PDB file of N, CA and C in Angstrom:
ATOM      1  N   UNK A   1      -9.860   1.260  13.427  1.00  0.00           N
ATOM      2  CA  UNK A   1      -8.571   1.915  13.540  1.00  0.00           C
ATOM      3  C   UNK A   1      -8.786   3.414  13.303  1.00  0.00           C
ATOM      4  N   UNK A   2      -8.250   4.255  14.174  1.00  0.00           N
ATOM      5  CA  UNK A   2      -8.467   5.684  14.003  1.00  0.00           C
ATOM      6  C   UNK A   2      -7.487   6.284  13.000  1.00  0.00           C
ATOM      7  N   UNK A   3      -7.813   7.494  12.540  1.00  0.00           N
ATOM      8  CA  UNK A   3      -7.017   8.137  11.493  1.00  0.00           C
ATOM      9  C   UNK A   3      -5.583   8.406  11.917  1.00  0.00           C
ATOM     10  N   UNK A   4      -5.368   8.794  13.186  1.00  0.00           N
ATOM     11  CA  UNK A   4      -4.012   9.068  13.659  1.00  0.00           C
ATOM     12  C   UNK A   4      -3.144   7.812  13.613  1.00  0.00           C
ATOM     13  N   UNK A   5      -3.732   6.692  13.989  1.00  0.00           N
ATOM     14  CA  UNK A   5      -2.984   5.432  13.984  1.00  0.00           C
ATOM     15  C   UNK A   5      -2.648   5.004  12.556  1.00  0.00           C
ATOM     16  N   UNK A   6      -3.609   5.163  11.645  1.00  0.00           N
ATOM     17  CA  UNK A   6      -3.363   4.828  10.240  1.00  0.00           C
ATOM     18  C   UNK A   6      -2.257   5.715   9.688  1.00  0.00           C
ATOM     19  N   UNK A   7      -2.341   7.020   9.957  1.00  0.00           N
ATOM     20  CA  UNK A   7      -1.340   7.953   9.448  1.00  0.00           C
ATOM     21  C   UNK A   7       0.046   7.633  10.001  1.00  0.00           C
ATOM     22  N   UNK A   8       0.142   7.372  11.285  1.00  0.00           N
ATOM     23  CA  UNK A   8       1.431   7.042  11.891  1.00  0.00           C
ATOM     24  C   UNK A   8       1.989   5.747  11.345  1.00  0.00           C
ATOM     25  N   UNK A   9       1.138   4.747  11.208  1.00  0.00           N
ATOM     26  CA  UNK A   9       1.564   3.471  10.638  1.00  0.00           C
ATOM     27  C   UNK A   9       1.984   3.619   9.196  1.00  0.00           C
ATOM     28  N   UNK A  10       1.281   4.465   8.468  1.00  0.00           N
ATOM     29  CA  UNK A  10       1.613   4.674   7.061  1.00  0.00           C
ATOM     30  C   UNK A  10       2.992   5.314   6.924  1.00  0.00           C
ATOM     31  N   UNK A  11       3.305   6.263   7.767  1.00  0.00           N
ATOM     32  CA  UNK A  11       4.626   6.897   7.698  1.00  0.00           C
ATOM     33  C   UNK A  11       5.727   5.860   7.881  1.00  0.00           C
ATOM     34  N   UNK A  12       5.516   4.920   8.772  1.00  0.00           N
ATOM     35  CA  UNK A  12       6.507   3.864   8.993  1.00  0.00           C
ATOM     36  C   UNK A  12       6.541   2.867   7.834  1.00  0.00           C
ATOM     37  N   UNK A  13       5.395   2.600   7.239  1.00  0.00           N
ATOM     38  CA  UNK A  13       5.300   1.590   6.182  1.00  0.00           C
ATOM     39  C   UNK A  13       5.755   2.100   4.819  1.00  0.00           C
ATOM     40  N   UNK A  14       5.796   3.399   4.614  1.00  0.00           N
ATOM     41  CA  UNK A  14       6.138   3.961   3.305  1.00  0.00           C
ATOM     42  C   UNK A  14       7.447   3.405   2.738  1.00  0.00           C
ATOM     43  N   UNK A  15       8.458   3.317   3.561  1.00  0.00           N
ATOM     44  CA  UNK A  15       9.749   2.814   3.101  1.00  0.00           C
ATOM     45  C   UNK A  15       9.666   1.374   2.635  1.00  0.00           C
ATOM     46  N   UNK A  16       8.927   0.572   3.371  1.00  0.00           N
ATOM     47  CA  UNK A  16       8.768  -0.836   2.992  1.00  0.00           C
ATOM     48  C   UNK A  16       7.943  -0.962   1.719  1.00  0.00           C
ATOM     49  N   UNK A  17       6.943  -0.104   1.581  1.00  0.00           N
ATOM     50  CA  UNK A  17       6.127  -0.110   0.360  1.00  0.00           C
ATOM     51  C   UNK A  17       7.004   0.264  -0.827  1.00  0.00           C
ATOM     52  N   UNK A  18       7.845   1.258  -0.648  1.00  0.00           N
ATOM     53  CA  UNK A  18       8.738   1.696  -1.732  1.00  0.00           C
ATOM     54  C   UNK A  18       9.705   0.575  -2.119  1.00  0.00           C
ATOM     55  N   UNK A  19      10.214  -0.177  -1.128  1.00  0.00           N
ATOM     56  CA  UNK A  19      11.092  -1.320  -1.420  1.00  0.00           C
ATOM     57  C   UNK A  19      10.356  -2.392  -2.211  1.00  0.00           C
ATOM     58  N   UNK A  20       9.119  -2.670  -1.836  1.00  0.00           N
ATOM     59  CA  UNK A  20       8.331  -3.718  -2.484  1.00  0.00           C
ATOM     60  C   UNK A  20       7.923  -3.328  -3.903  1.00  0.00           C
ATOM     61  N   UNK A  21       7.471  -2.084  -4.068  1.00  0.00           N
ATOM     62  CA  UNK A  21       6.978  -1.614  -5.364  1.00  0.00           C
ATOM     63  C   UNK A  21       7.751  -0.364  -5.754  1.00  0.00           C
ATOM     64  N   UNK A  22       8.950  -0.576  -6.256  1.00  0.00           N
ATOM     65  CA  UNK A  22       9.901   0.493  -6.521  1.00  0.00           C
ATOM     66  C   UNK A  22       9.487   1.521  -7.551  1.00  0.00           C
ATOM     67  N   UNK A  23       8.506   1.216  -8.373  1.00  0.00           N
ATOM     68  CA  UNK A  23       8.085   2.173  -9.390  1.00  0.00           C
ATOM     69  C   UNK A  23       7.100   3.208  -8.859  1.00  0.00           C
ATOM     70  N   UNK A  24       6.654   3.048  -7.615  1.00  0.00           N
ATOM     71  CA  UNK A  24       5.755   4.029  -7.026  1.00  0.00           C
ATOM     72  C   UNK A  24       6.543   5.296  -6.697  1.00  0.00           C
ATOM     73  N   UNK A  25       5.954   6.442  -7.023  1.00  0.00           N
ATOM     74  CA  UNK A  25       6.604   7.729  -6.782  1.00  0.00           C
ATOM     75  C   UNK A  25       6.198   8.275  -5.407  1.00  0.00           C
ATOM     76  N   UNK A  26       6.879   9.334  -4.985  1.00  0.00           N
ATOM     77  CA  UNK A  26       6.491  10.009  -3.742  1.00  0.00           C
ATOM     78  C   UNK A  26       5.058  10.522  -3.843  1.00  0.00           C
ATOM     79  N   UNK A  27       4.687  11.021  -5.015  1.00  0.00           N
ATOM     80  CA  UNK A  27       3.309  11.481  -5.209  1.00  0.00           C
ATOM     81  C   UNK A  27       2.325  10.320  -5.071  1.00  0.00           C
ATOM     82  N   UNK A  28       2.682   9.159  -5.625  1.00  0.00           N
ATOM     83  CA  UNK A  28       1.831   7.977  -5.467  1.00  0.00           C
ATOM     84  C   UNK A  28       1.638   7.661  -3.991  1.00  0.00           C
ATOM     85  N   UNK A  29       2.726   7.662  -3.242  1.00  0.00           N
ATOM     86  CA  UNK A  29       2.659   7.333  -1.822  1.00  0.00           C
ATOM     87  C   UNK A  29       1.796   8.335  -1.061  1.00  0.00           C
ATOM     88  N   UNK A  30       1.854   9.607  -1.456  1.00  0.00           N
ATOM     89  CA  UNK A  30       1.011  10.619  -0.815  1.00  0.00           C
ATOM     90  C   UNK A  30      -0.466  10.372  -1.106  1.00  0.00           C
ATOM     91  N   UNK A  31      -0.777   9.976  -2.325  1.00  0.00           N
ATOM     92  CA  UNK A  31      -2.163   9.694  -2.698  1.00  0.00           C
ATOM     93  C   UNK A  31      -2.657   8.425  -2.009  1.00  0.00           C
ATOM     94  N   UNK A  32      -1.816   7.406  -1.956  1.00  0.00           N
ATOM     95  CA  UNK A  32      -2.191   6.130  -1.341  1.00  0.00           C
ATOM     96  C   UNK A  32      -2.537   6.330   0.130  1.00  0.00           C
ATOM     97  N   UNK A  33      -1.667   6.993   0.856  1.00  0.00           N
ATOM     98  CA  UNK A  33      -1.891   7.343   2.271  1.00  0.00           C
ATOM     99  C   UNK A  33      -2.471   6.199   3.097  1.00  0.00           C
ATOM    100  N   UNK A  34      -2.003   4.985   2.844  1.00  0.00           N
ATOM    101  CA  UNK A  34      -2.416   3.842   3.650  1.00  0.00           C
ATOM    102  C   UNK A  34      -3.696   3.165   3.205  1.00  0.00           C
ATOM    103  N   UNK A  35      -4.289   3.647   2.104  1.00  0.00           N
ATOM    104  CA  UNK A  35      -5.557   3.083   1.625  1.00  0.00           C
ATOM    105  C   UNK A  35      -5.297   1.969   0.612  1.00  0.00           C
ATOM    106  N   UNK A  36      -5.853   0.821   0.888  1.00  0.00           N
ATOM    107  CA  UNK A  36      -5.641  -0.368   0.070  1.00  0.00           C
ATOM    108  C   UNK A  36      -6.103  -0.173  -1.377  1.00  0.00           C
ATOM    109  N   UNK A  37      -7.273   0.416  -1.581  1.00  0.00           N
ATOM    110  CA  UNK A  37      -7.788   0.580  -2.938  1.00  0.00           C
ATOM    111  C   UNK A  37      -6.890   1.484  -3.775  1.00  0.00           C
ATOM    112  N   UNK A  38      -6.346   2.520  -3.146  1.00  0.00           N
ATOM    113  CA  UNK A  38      -5.426   3.405  -3.858  1.00  0.00           C
ATOM    114  C   UNK A  38      -4.119   2.687  -4.200  1.00  0.00           C
ATOM    115  N   UNK A  39      -3.605   1.925  -3.254  1.00  0.00           N
ATOM    116  CA  UNK A  39      -2.387   1.154  -3.501  1.00  0.00           C
ATOM    117  C   UNK A  39      -2.613   0.167  -4.631  1.00  0.00           C
ATOM    118  N   UNK A  40      -3.722  -0.508  -4.599  1.00  0.00           N
ATOM    119  CA  UNK A  40      -4.042  -1.497  -5.627  1.00  0.00           C
ATOM    120  C   UNK A  40      -4.025  -0.860  -7.019  1.00  0.00           C
ATOM    121  N   UNK A  41      -4.691   0.259  -7.171  1.00  0.00           N
ATOM    122  CA  UNK A  41      -4.730   0.947  -8.467  1.00  0.00           C
ATOM    123  C   UNK A  41      -3.365   1.420  -8.914  1.00  0.00           C
ATOM    124  N   UNK A  42      -2.587   1.953  -7.996  1.00  0.00           N
ATOM    125  CA  UNK A  42      -1.258   2.463  -8.358  1.00  0.00           C
ATOM    126  C   UNK A  42      -0.311   1.331  -8.738  1.00  0.00           C
ATOM    127  N   UNK A  43      -0.393   0.203  -8.033  1.00  0.00           N
ATOM    128  CA  UNK A  43       0.446  -0.949  -8.371  1.00  0.00           C
ATOM    129  C   UNK A  43       0.080  -1.449  -9.761  1.00  0.00           C
ATOM    130  N   UNK A  44      -1.208  -1.559 -10.025  1.00  0.00           N
ATOM    131  CA  UNK A  44      -1.649  -2.021 -11.335  1.00  0.00           C
ATOM    132  C   UNK A  44      -1.115  -1.100 -12.433  1.00  0.00           C
ATOM    133  N   UNK A  45      -1.249   0.190 -12.221  1.00  0.00           N
ATOM    134  CA  UNK A  45      -0.836   1.165 -13.227  1.00  0.00           C
ATOM    135  C   UNK A  45       0.686   1.211 -13.420  1.00  0.00           C
ATOM    136  N   UNK A  46       1.428   1.369 -12.345  1.00  0.00           N
ATOM    137  CA  UNK A  46       2.884   1.543 -12.434  1.00  0.00           C
ATOM    138  C   UNK A  46       3.625   0.258 -12.799  1.00  0.00           C
ATOM    139  N   UNK A  47       3.111  -0.884 -12.340  1.00  0.00           N
ATOM    140  CA  UNK A  47       3.810  -2.148 -12.550  1.00  0.00           C
ATOM    141  C   UNK A  47       3.156  -3.017 -13.623  1.00  0.00           C
ATOM    142  N   UNK A  48       2.044  -2.554 -14.187  1.00  0.00           N
ATOM    143  CA  UNK A  48       1.393  -3.275 -15.267  1.00  0.00           C
ATOM    144  C   UNK A  48       0.883  -4.648 -14.860  1.00  0.00           C
ATOM    145  N   UNK A  49       0.333  -4.738 -13.656  1.00  0.00           N
ATOM    146  CA  UNK A  49      -0.150  -6.020 -13.149  1.00  0.00           C
ATOM    147  C   UNK A  49      -1.669  -6.106 -13.227  1.00  0.00           C
ATOM    148  N   UNK A  50      -2.162  -7.334 -13.345  1.00  0.00           N
ATOM    149  CA  UNK A  50      -3.591  -7.581 -13.264  1.00  0.00           C
ATOM    150  C   UNK A  50      -4.044  -7.374 -11.825  1.00  0.00           C
ATOM    151  N   UNK A  51      -5.320  -7.109 -11.648  1.00  0.00           N
ATOM    152  CA  UNK A  51      -5.860  -6.841 -10.313  1.00  0.00           C
ATOM    153  C   UNK A  51      -5.586  -7.979  -9.343  1.00  0.00           C
ATOM    154  N   UNK A  52      -5.819  -9.227  -9.783  1.00  0.00           N
ATOM    155  CA  UNK A  52      -5.639 -10.354  -8.864  1.00  0.00           C
ATOM    156  C   UNK A  52      -4.190 -10.511  -8.434  1.00  0.00           C
ATOM    157  N   UNK A  53      -3.241 -10.241  -9.314  1.00  0.00           N
ATOM    158  CA  UNK A  53      -1.817 -10.326  -8.949  1.00  0.00           C
ATOM    159  C   UNK A  53      -1.453  -9.201  -7.981  1.00  0.00           C
ATOM    160  N   UNK A  54      -1.955  -8.000  -8.231  1.00  0.00           N
ATOM    161  CA  UNK A  54      -1.681  -6.878  -7.330  1.00  0.00           C
ATOM    162  C   UNK A  54      -2.262  -7.155  -5.940  1.00  0.00           C
ATOM    163  N   UNK A  55      -3.475  -7.705  -5.887  1.00  0.00           N
ATOM    164  CA  UNK A  55      -4.085  -8.043  -4.598  1.00  0.00           C
ATOM    165  C   UNK A  55      -3.267  -9.102  -3.860  1.00  0.00           C
ATOM    166  N   UNK A  56      -2.778 -10.077  -4.595  1.00  0.00           N
ATOM    167  CA  UNK A  56      -1.942 -11.125  -3.985  1.00  0.00           C
ATOM    168  C   UNK A  56      -0.680 -10.507  -3.387  1.00  0.00           C
ATOM    169  N   UNK A  57      -0.062  -9.587  -4.114  1.00  0.00           N
ATOM    170  CA  UNK A  57       1.148  -8.941  -3.608  1.00  0.00           C
ATOM    171  C   UNK A  57       0.862  -8.123  -2.347  1.00  0.00           C
ATOM    172  N   UNK A  58      -0.274  -7.441  -2.312  1.00  0.00           N
ATOM    173  CA  UNK A  58      -0.638  -6.670  -1.122  1.00  0.00           C
ATOM    174  C   UNK A  58      -0.876  -7.609   0.059  1.00  0.00           C
ATOM    175  N   UNK A  59      -1.589  -8.703  -0.184  1.00  0.00           N
ATOM    176  CA  UNK A  59      -1.822  -9.692   0.877  1.00  0.00           C
ATOM    177  C   UNK A  59      -0.499 -10.236   1.415  1.00  0.00           C
ATOM    178  N   UNK A  60       0.433 -10.548   0.517  1.00  0.00           N
ATOM    179  CA  UNK A  60       1.756 -11.035   0.927  1.00  0.00           C
ATOM    180  C   UNK A  60       2.494  -9.984   1.744  1.00  0.00           C
ATOM    181  N   UNK A  61       2.408  -8.732   1.327  1.00  0.00           N
ATOM    182  CA  UNK A  61       3.054  -7.631   2.045  1.00  0.00           C
ATOM    183  C   UNK A  61       2.502  -7.538   3.465  1.00  0.00           C
ATOM    184  N   UNK A  62       1.181  -7.621   3.599  1.00  0.00           N
ATOM    185  CA  UNK A  62       0.567  -7.520   4.929  1.00  0.00           C
ATOM    186  C   UNK A  62       0.953  -8.709   5.813  1.00  0.00           C
ATOM    187  N   UNK A  63       1.077  -9.878   5.227  1.00  0.00           N
ATOM    188  CA  UNK A  63       1.509 -11.044   6.003  1.00  0.00           C
ATOM    189  C   UNK A  63       2.940 -10.870   6.513  1.00  0.00           C
ATOM    190  N   UNK A  64       3.792 -10.299   5.690  1.00  0.00           N
ATOM    191  CA  UNK A  64       5.194 -10.106   6.064  1.00  0.00           C
ATOM    192  C   UNK A  64       5.390  -8.912   6.995  1.00  0.00           C
ATOM    193  N   UNK A  65       4.411  -8.034   7.053  1.00  0.00           N
ATOM    194  CA  UNK A  65       4.478  -6.828   7.887  1.00  0.00           C
ATOM    195  C   UNK A  65       3.236  -6.769   8.780  1.00  0.00           C
ATOM    196  N   UNK A  66       3.163  -7.650   9.770  1.00  0.00           N
ATOM    197  CA  UNK A  66       1.946  -7.770  10.577  1.00  0.00           C
ATOM    198  C   UNK A  66       1.609  -6.532  11.405  1.00  0.00           C
ATOM    199  N   UNK A  67       2.542  -5.623  11.564  1.00  0.00           N
ATOM    200  CA  UNK A  67       2.258  -4.412  12.332  1.00  0.00           C
ATOM    201  C   UNK A  67       1.509  -3.359  11.518  1.00  0.00           C
ATOM    202  N   UNK A  68       1.339  -3.614  10.208  1.00  0.00           N
ATOM    203  CA  UNK A  68       0.650  -2.656   9.373  1.00  0.00           C
ATOM    204  C   UNK A  68      -0.396  -3.345   8.505  1.00  0.00           C
ATOM    205  N   UNK A  69      -1.575  -2.758   8.457  1.00  0.00           N
ATOM    206  CA  UNK A  69      -2.652  -3.214   7.580  1.00  0.00           C
ATOM    207  C   UNK A  69      -3.172  -2.003   6.817  1.00  0.00           C
ATOM    208  N   UNK A  70      -3.364  -2.165   5.528  1.00  0.00           N
ATOM    209  CA  UNK A  70      -3.915  -1.086   4.730  1.00  0.00           C
ATOM    210  C   UNK A  70      -5.387  -0.894   5.071  1.00  0.00           C
ATOM    211  N   UNK A  71      -5.816   0.346   5.024  1.00  0.00           N
ATOM    212  CA  UNK A  71      -7.204   0.686   5.289  1.00  0.00           C
ATOM    213  C   UNK A  71      -8.058   0.234   4.106  1.00  0.00           C
ATOM    214  N   UNK A  72      -9.108  -0.519   4.391  1.00  0.00           N
ATOM    215  CA  UNK A  72      -9.994  -0.998   3.334  1.00  0.00           C
ATOM    216  C   UNK A  72     -11.165  -0.052   3.161  1.00  0.00           C
ATOM    217  N   UNK A  73     -11.623   0.102   1.921  1.00  0.00           N
ATOM    218  CA  UNK A  73     -12.781   0.947   1.627  1.00  0.00           C
ATOM    219  C   UNK A  73     -14.032   0.361   2.239  1.00  0.00           C
ATOM    220  N   UNK A  74     -14.955   1.259   2.566  1.00  0.00           N
ATOM    221  CA  UNK A  74     -16.200   0.771   3.150  1.00  0.00           C
ATOM    222  C   UNK A  74     -17.340   0.923   2.213  1.00  0.00           C
TER     223      UNK A  74
END
């Protein structure tokens, strides 16, 4: 997936991410920028969740929003 597509998809997904994880700030969303590892860390920190629970929530989010996938670290 190219950077332009990730960025465009992220702009559309931001609102849904904010609905799902309401404690994330605008600054958090800017840092996350569609990257799964960043989202995972921010969810853990802001919502006080264990890593496995945060990963499960991200997986559920991606299943419910098939048009968007978070960028995975390489």
